[in-house]
Protein backbone atom coordinates (compact mmCIF):
# COMPACT_ATOMS: atom_id res chain seq x y z
CA UNK A 1 18.12 236.37 -131.81
CA UNK A 2 16.04 233.47 -130.06
CA UNK A 3 16.92 231.42 -126.86
CA UNK A 4 19.00 229.31 -127.39
CA UNK A 5 22.32 231.53 -129.06
CA UNK A 6 21.56 233.87 -126.20
CA UNK A 7 22.25 230.87 -123.65
CA UNK A 8 25.24 229.62 -125.98
CA UNK A 9 27.00 232.53 -126.02
CA UNK A 10 26.15 233.17 -122.74
CA UNK A 11 27.58 229.86 -121.73
CA UNK A 12 30.99 230.27 -124.25
CA UNK A 13 31.37 234.01 -122.85
CA UNK A 14 31.28 232.30 -118.90
CA UNK A 15 34.07 229.31 -120.54
CA UNK A 16 36.04 231.23 -122.48
CA UNK A 17 36.80 233.98 -119.88
CA UNK A 18 39.49 234.43 -117.66
CA UNK A 19 37.74 233.82 -114.92
CA UNK A 20 36.96 230.62 -115.91
CA UNK A 21 40.52 229.96 -117.09
CA UNK A 22 41.64 231.25 -113.41
CA UNK A 23 40.00 228.21 -112.31
CA UNK A 24 42.83 225.96 -113.25
CA UNK A 25 45.43 227.86 -112.10
CA UNK A 26 46.84 227.50 -108.35
CA UNK A 27 45.75 231.14 -107.44
CA UNK A 28 42.23 229.37 -106.56
CA UNK A 29 43.68 225.96 -105.09
CA UNK A 30 45.67 228.35 -102.14
CA UNK A 31 48.65 226.89 -102.05
CA UNK A 32 50.75 227.92 -99.52
CA UNK A 33 54.69 226.90 -98.75
CA UNK A 34 52.54 224.97 -95.88
CA UNK A 35 50.66 222.64 -97.80
CA UNK A 36 53.27 220.22 -98.17
CA UNK A 37 53.43 219.80 -94.46
CA UNK A 38 49.68 219.67 -93.76
CA UNK A 39 49.68 216.87 -96.95
CA UNK A 40 52.33 215.02 -95.13
CA UNK A 41 50.22 215.38 -91.70
CA UNK A 42 47.20 213.95 -93.55
CA UNK A 43 49.52 210.96 -95.03
CA UNK A 44 50.89 210.05 -91.64
CA UNK A 45 48.00 208.59 -89.75
CA UNK A 46 46.07 207.15 -93.41
CA UNK A 47 49.59 205.00 -94.23
CA UNK A 48 51.23 204.32 -90.84
CA UNK A 49 47.32 203.59 -89.14
CA UNK A 50 46.77 200.71 -91.18
CA UNK A 51 50.74 199.55 -90.29
CA UNK A 52 49.88 199.86 -87.11
CA UNK A 53 46.97 197.62 -86.98
CA UNK A 54 48.58 195.50 -89.05
CA UNK A 55 51.36 194.89 -86.35
CA UNK A 56 49.37 194.76 -83.26
CA UNK A 57 47.23 192.07 -85.31
CA UNK A 58 50.11 190.09 -85.95
CA UNK A 59 51.35 189.68 -82.69
CA UNK A 60 47.91 189.45 -80.87
CA UNK A 61 47.49 186.08 -83.13
CA UNK A 62 51.36 185.32 -83.02
CA UNK A 63 51.04 185.36 -79.48
CA UNK A 64 47.73 183.34 -79.74
CA UNK A 65 49.00 180.63 -81.20
CA UNK A 66 52.19 180.06 -78.85
CA UNK A 67 49.92 179.90 -76.38
CA UNK A 68 47.90 177.40 -77.45
CA UNK A 69 50.67 174.98 -79.02
CA UNK A 70 52.13 175.61 -75.38
CA UNK A 71 48.92 173.89 -73.86
CA UNK A 72 49.58 171.14 -76.71
CA UNK A 73 52.57 170.35 -76.03
CA UNK A 74 51.96 168.58 -72.22
CA UNK A 75 49.18 166.69 -73.90
CA UNK A 76 51.43 165.43 -76.27
CA UNK A 77 54.15 164.19 -74.37
CA UNK A 78 50.66 162.42 -71.89
CA UNK A 79 50.11 160.69 -75.07
CA UNK A 80 53.65 159.71 -76.01
CA UNK A 81 54.37 158.09 -72.14
CA UNK A 82 51.15 156.25 -72.26
CA UNK A 83 51.49 154.30 -75.37
């Protein structure tokens, strides 16, 4: 038997063995009753973090725009009184 045939047979045995097929099973993923809770705790800040930042930025720029428009109103009143 040549080298290539040996390598091919070894790979074939590994691929078709029970331990290789078990790699796709849940036994190797260590899924427990706590897994959904841990997924939730991971996704909570991942999803809510950008929403909180977006709300803060929206509030900041809304207040900035309101302050800027409040400063412009007296200038318009003075111009209207002159005109």
